[in-house]
């Protein structure tokens, strides 16, 4: 397991991750990239605990996702399954599990202030924290994809499932975008990654 983890997370984070995995009886499954989620946790019918994480090449996002999912398991074991999946108990658990990782041996120094802010009140996904998502994106492999906010008003783009949209105006935090095939309006997070179409 140590050799596997070394491929996906910063080397300095491996011992503590191994300890969390062993202590909580986690079966870690690394899968091909899924667009709709970075990872998930589920208790299997036999009572075992399976955590699935996307095999991305961004070690910092992988680490945050892995600890996020372990926090679900620990929070459910500690407080019962009746808690909200991303409620205050999970937030408290996630923050306490992440704190030992938030240092310059694990993360680049430019990410540390953003992580400190994020973990004052962690969101259900690091993608919903626009500043942290953008900063983590700098460690993704090169791509022609752009964030929605980088698409000019009236610009056309394609999303992961092939649907094509035209970007409209910003409405508070999200952007109104019209699906060209149906004329239906959708709201997009400003840091959603899309493929621009010229």
Protein backbone atom coordinates (compact mmCIF):
# COMPACT_ATOMS: atom_id res chain seq x y z
CA UNK A 1 0.00 0.00 0.00
CA UNK A 2 2.88 2.38 0.75
CA UNK A 3 4.26 2.09 -2.80
CA UNK A 4 0.77 2.71 -4.23
CA UNK A 5 0.21 5.83 -2.11
CA UNK A 6 3.62 7.24 -3.09
CA UNK A 7 2.40 7.41 -6.71
CA UNK A 8 -0.57 9.61 -5.80
CA UNK A 9 0.20 11.81 -2.77
CA UNK A 10 3.18 13.82 -1.51
CA UNK A 11 5.79 11.49 -0.01
CA UNK A 12 5.72 13.26 3.37
CA UNK A 13 1.99 12.49 3.69
CA UNK A 14 2.31 8.72 3.12
CA UNK A 15 3.03 7.55 6.72
CA UNK A 16 0.09 9.43 8.24
CA UNK A 17 -2.27 8.32 5.42
CA UNK A 18 -1.21 4.71 5.92
CA UNK A 19 -1.96 5.06 9.63
CA UNK A 20 -5.45 6.48 8.91
CA UNK A 21 -6.19 3.72 6.38
CA UNK A 22 -5.07 0.91 8.72
CA UNK A 23 -6.65 2.36 11.86
CA UNK A 24 -10.03 2.72 10.15
CA UNK A 25 -9.98 -0.53 8.15
CA UNK A 26 -10.26 1.25 4.81
CA UNK A 27 -10.24 -0.61 1.52
CA UNK A 28 -8.83 2.05 -0.85
CA UNK A 29 -9.85 1.77 -4.48
CA UNK A 30 -8.21 4.07 -7.03
CA UNK A 31 -10.30 4.51 -10.17
CA UNK A 32 -10.09 6.30 -13.52
CA UNK A 33 -11.01 9.95 -13.54
CA UNK A 34 -14.72 10.62 -12.96
CA UNK A 35 -15.92 14.08 -13.89
CA UNK A 36 -18.72 14.41 -11.36
CA UNK A 37 -16.75 13.57 -8.21
CA UNK A 38 -13.21 13.25 -6.87
CA UNK A 39 -14.00 10.39 -4.47
CA UNK A 40 -16.60 8.65 -2.32
CA UNK A 41 -17.01 6.57 0.81
CA UNK A 42 -19.41 3.70 1.36
CA UNK A 43 -19.91 1.01 3.93
CA UNK A 44 -20.19 -2.29 2.12
CA UNK A 45 -22.87 -4.93 2.90
CA UNK A 46 -20.26 -7.01 4.80
CA UNK A 47 -19.52 -4.01 7.07
CA UNK A 48 -16.17 -3.16 5.46
CA UNK A 49 -15.34 0.42 4.47
CA UNK A 50 -14.51 1.29 0.86
CA UNK A 51 -13.10 4.62 -0.23
CA UNK A 52 -12.79 5.36 -3.93
CA UNK A 53 -10.54 8.18 -5.18
CA UNK A 54 -9.89 9.34 -8.74
CA UNK A 55 -6.42 8.54 -10.06
CA UNK A 56 -5.61 12.14 -10.95
CA UNK A 57 -2.08 13.38 -11.31
CA UNK A 58 -2.58 16.20 -8.80
CA UNK A 59 -1.16 14.84 -5.52
CA UNK A 60 -2.61 17.65 -3.38
CA UNK A 61 -6.19 17.16 -4.60
CA UNK A 62 -5.83 13.38 -4.19
CA UNK A 63 -4.66 13.82 -0.58
CA UNK A 64 -7.47 16.24 0.30
CA UNK A 65 -10.02 13.90 -1.29
CA UNK A 66 -8.67 10.84 0.52
CA UNK A 67 -8.79 12.57 3.92
CA UNK A 68 -12.25 14.03 3.07
CA UNK A 69 -13.60 10.50 2.52
CA UNK A 70 -11.87 9.05 5.61
CA UNK A 71 -13.50 11.90 7.57
CA UNK A 72 -16.94 10.59 6.48
CA UNK A 73 -16.09 7.16 7.87
CA UNK A 74 -14.66 8.53 11.15
CA UNK A 75 -17.58 10.96 11.64
CA UNK A 76 -20.17 8.22 11.07
CA UNK A 77 -18.35 5.90 13.51
CA UNK A 78 -18.02 8.66 16.11
CA UNK A 79 -21.42 10.37 15.89
CA UNK A 80 -23.74 7.79 14.19
CA UNK A 81 -25.04 7.50 10.65
CA UNK A 82 -27.85 9.96 11.36
CA UNK A 83 -25.58 12.99 11.00
CA UNK A 84 -25.62 15.11 7.84
CA UNK A 85 -22.89 13.92 5.41
CA UNK A 86 -21.27 17.39 5.32
CA UNK A 87 -22.63 18.71 8.60
CA UNK A 88 -20.80 20.17 11.59
CA UNK A 89 -19.61 16.76 12.86
CA UNK A 90 -18.02 15.92 9.51
CA UNK A 91 -16.49 19.41 9.24
CA UNK A 92 -14.94 19.07 12.70
CA UNK A 93 -13.61 15.60 11.88
CA UNK A 94 -12.26 16.60 8.45
CA UNK A 95 -10.46 19.62 9.91
CA UNK A 96 -8.88 17.61 12.73
CA UNK A 97 -7.71 14.87 10.32
CA UNK A 98 -6.26 17.44 7.86
CA UNK A 99 -4.37 19.61 10.36
CA UNK A 100 -1.29 17.34 10.60
CA UNK A 101 -0.89 17.57 6.79
CA UNK A 102 -1.06 21.36 6.51
CA UNK A 103 2.65 22.15 6.50
CA UNK A 104 5.43 22.86 4.00
CA UNK A 105 6.64 19.24 3.97
CA UNK A 106 3.33 18.20 2.38
CA UNK A 107 1.92 21.26 0.56
CA UNK A 108 3.60 24.07 -1.38
CA UNK A 109 3.81 27.22 0.77
CA UNK A 110 1.49 29.18 -1.57
CA UNK A 111 -1.36 26.73 -0.83
CA UNK A 112 -1.03 26.92 2.97
CA UNK A 113 -2.95 30.20 3.56
CA UNK A 114 -5.77 29.00 1.29
CA UNK A 115 -5.94 25.65 3.09
CA UNK A 116 -5.97 27.41 6.47
CA UNK A 117 -8.95 29.53 5.33
CA UNK A 118 -10.74 26.56 3.78
CA UNK A 119 -10.48 24.45 6.93
CA UNK A 120 -12.05 27.11 9.13
CA UNK A 121 -15.32 25.90 7.60
CA UNK A 122 -14.68 23.17 4.98
CA UNK A 123 -17.12 22.80 2.11
CA UNK A 124 -18.60 19.59 0.73
CA UNK A 125 -16.04 19.84 -2.09
CA UNK A 126 -12.81 21.79 -2.42
CA UNK A 127 -14.14 22.71 -5.89
CA UNK A 128 -16.81 24.94 -4.30
CA UNK A 129 -14.05 27.02 -2.69
CA UNK A 130 -13.14 29.00 -5.83
CA UNK A 131 -9.78 30.34 -4.60
CA UNK A 132 -8.58 26.94 -3.39
CA UNK A 133 -9.86 25.20 -6.55
CA UNK A 134 -7.96 27.66 -8.75
CA UNK A 135 -4.78 27.29 -6.72
CA UNK A 136 -5.01 23.47 -6.80
CA UNK A 137 -5.66 23.65 -10.56
CA UNK A 138 -2.14 25.00 -11.03
CA UNK A 139 -0.90 21.49 -10.16
CA UNK A 140 -3.14 19.70 -12.67
CA UNK A 141 -1.62 18.38 -15.89
CA UNK A 142 -1.63 20.83 -18.83
CA UNK A 143 -4.98 21.09 -20.61
CA UNK A 144 -6.82 23.31 -23.10
CA UNK A 145 -9.80 23.44 -20.75
CA UNK A 146 -10.73 26.78 -19.18
CA UNK A 147 -12.72 27.88 -16.17
CA UNK A 148 -16.20 29.29 -16.89
CA UNK A 149 -15.12 32.73 -15.69
CA UNK A 150 -12.39 32.71 -18.37
CA UNK A 151 -14.97 32.20 -21.15
CA UNK A 152 -16.11 35.61 -22.47
CA UNK A 153 -19.83 36.49 -22.35
CA UNK A 154 -21.41 34.93 -25.43
CA UNK A 155 -18.54 32.44 -25.70
CA UNK A 156 -19.41 28.84 -26.55
CA UNK A 157 -18.08 25.81 -24.68
CA UNK A 158 -18.54 22.06 -24.32
CA UNK A 159 -18.81 20.17 -21.02
CA UNK A 160 -17.65 16.63 -20.17
CA UNK A 161 -20.80 14.95 -21.54
CA UNK A 162 -20.58 16.68 -24.94
CA UNK A 163 -23.38 19.23 -24.38
CA UNK A 164 -22.67 22.68 -25.81
CA UNK A 165 -23.50 25.95 -24.03
CA UNK A 166 -23.25 29.69 -24.52
CA UNK A 167 -22.04 31.69 -21.53
CA UNK A 168 -24.34 34.40 -20.23
CA UNK A 169 -24.20 36.83 -17.33
CA UNK A 170 -23.02 36.25 -13.80
CA UNK A 171 -25.82 35.86 -11.28
CA UNK A 172 -24.42 36.42 -7.74
CA UNK A 173 -21.90 33.54 -7.61
CA UNK A 174 -22.79 31.48 -10.70
CA UNK A 175 -22.96 32.04 -14.44
CA UNK A 176 -26.12 31.66 -16.49
CA UNK A 177 -25.40 29.47 -19.53
CA UNK A 178 -27.82 28.39 -22.26
CA UNK A 179 -27.66 24.87 -23.66
CA UNK A 180 -27.66 25.46 -27.42
CA UNK A 181 -29.55 22.27 -28.36
CA UNK A 182 -32.52 22.89 -26.03
CA UNK A 183 -32.44 26.60 -25.13
CA UNK A 184 -32.59 25.64 -21.43
CA UNK A 185 -30.80 27.83 -18.90
CA UNK A 186 -28.28 26.29 -16.48
CA UNK A 187 -26.17 27.80 -13.71
CA UNK A 188 -22.45 27.03 -13.63
CA UNK A 189 -19.93 27.50 -10.85
CA UNK A 190 -17.26 30.04 -11.94
CA UNK A 191 -14.52 27.44 -11.49
CA UNK A 192 -16.20 24.67 -13.54
CA UNK A 193 -13.72 23.42 -16.16
CA UNK A 194 -15.00 23.44 -19.73
CA UNK A 195 -13.67 23.10 -23.27
CA UNK A 196 -13.89 26.38 -25.21
CA UNK A 197 -15.20 26.17 -28.80
CA UNK A 198 -14.01 28.84 -31.23
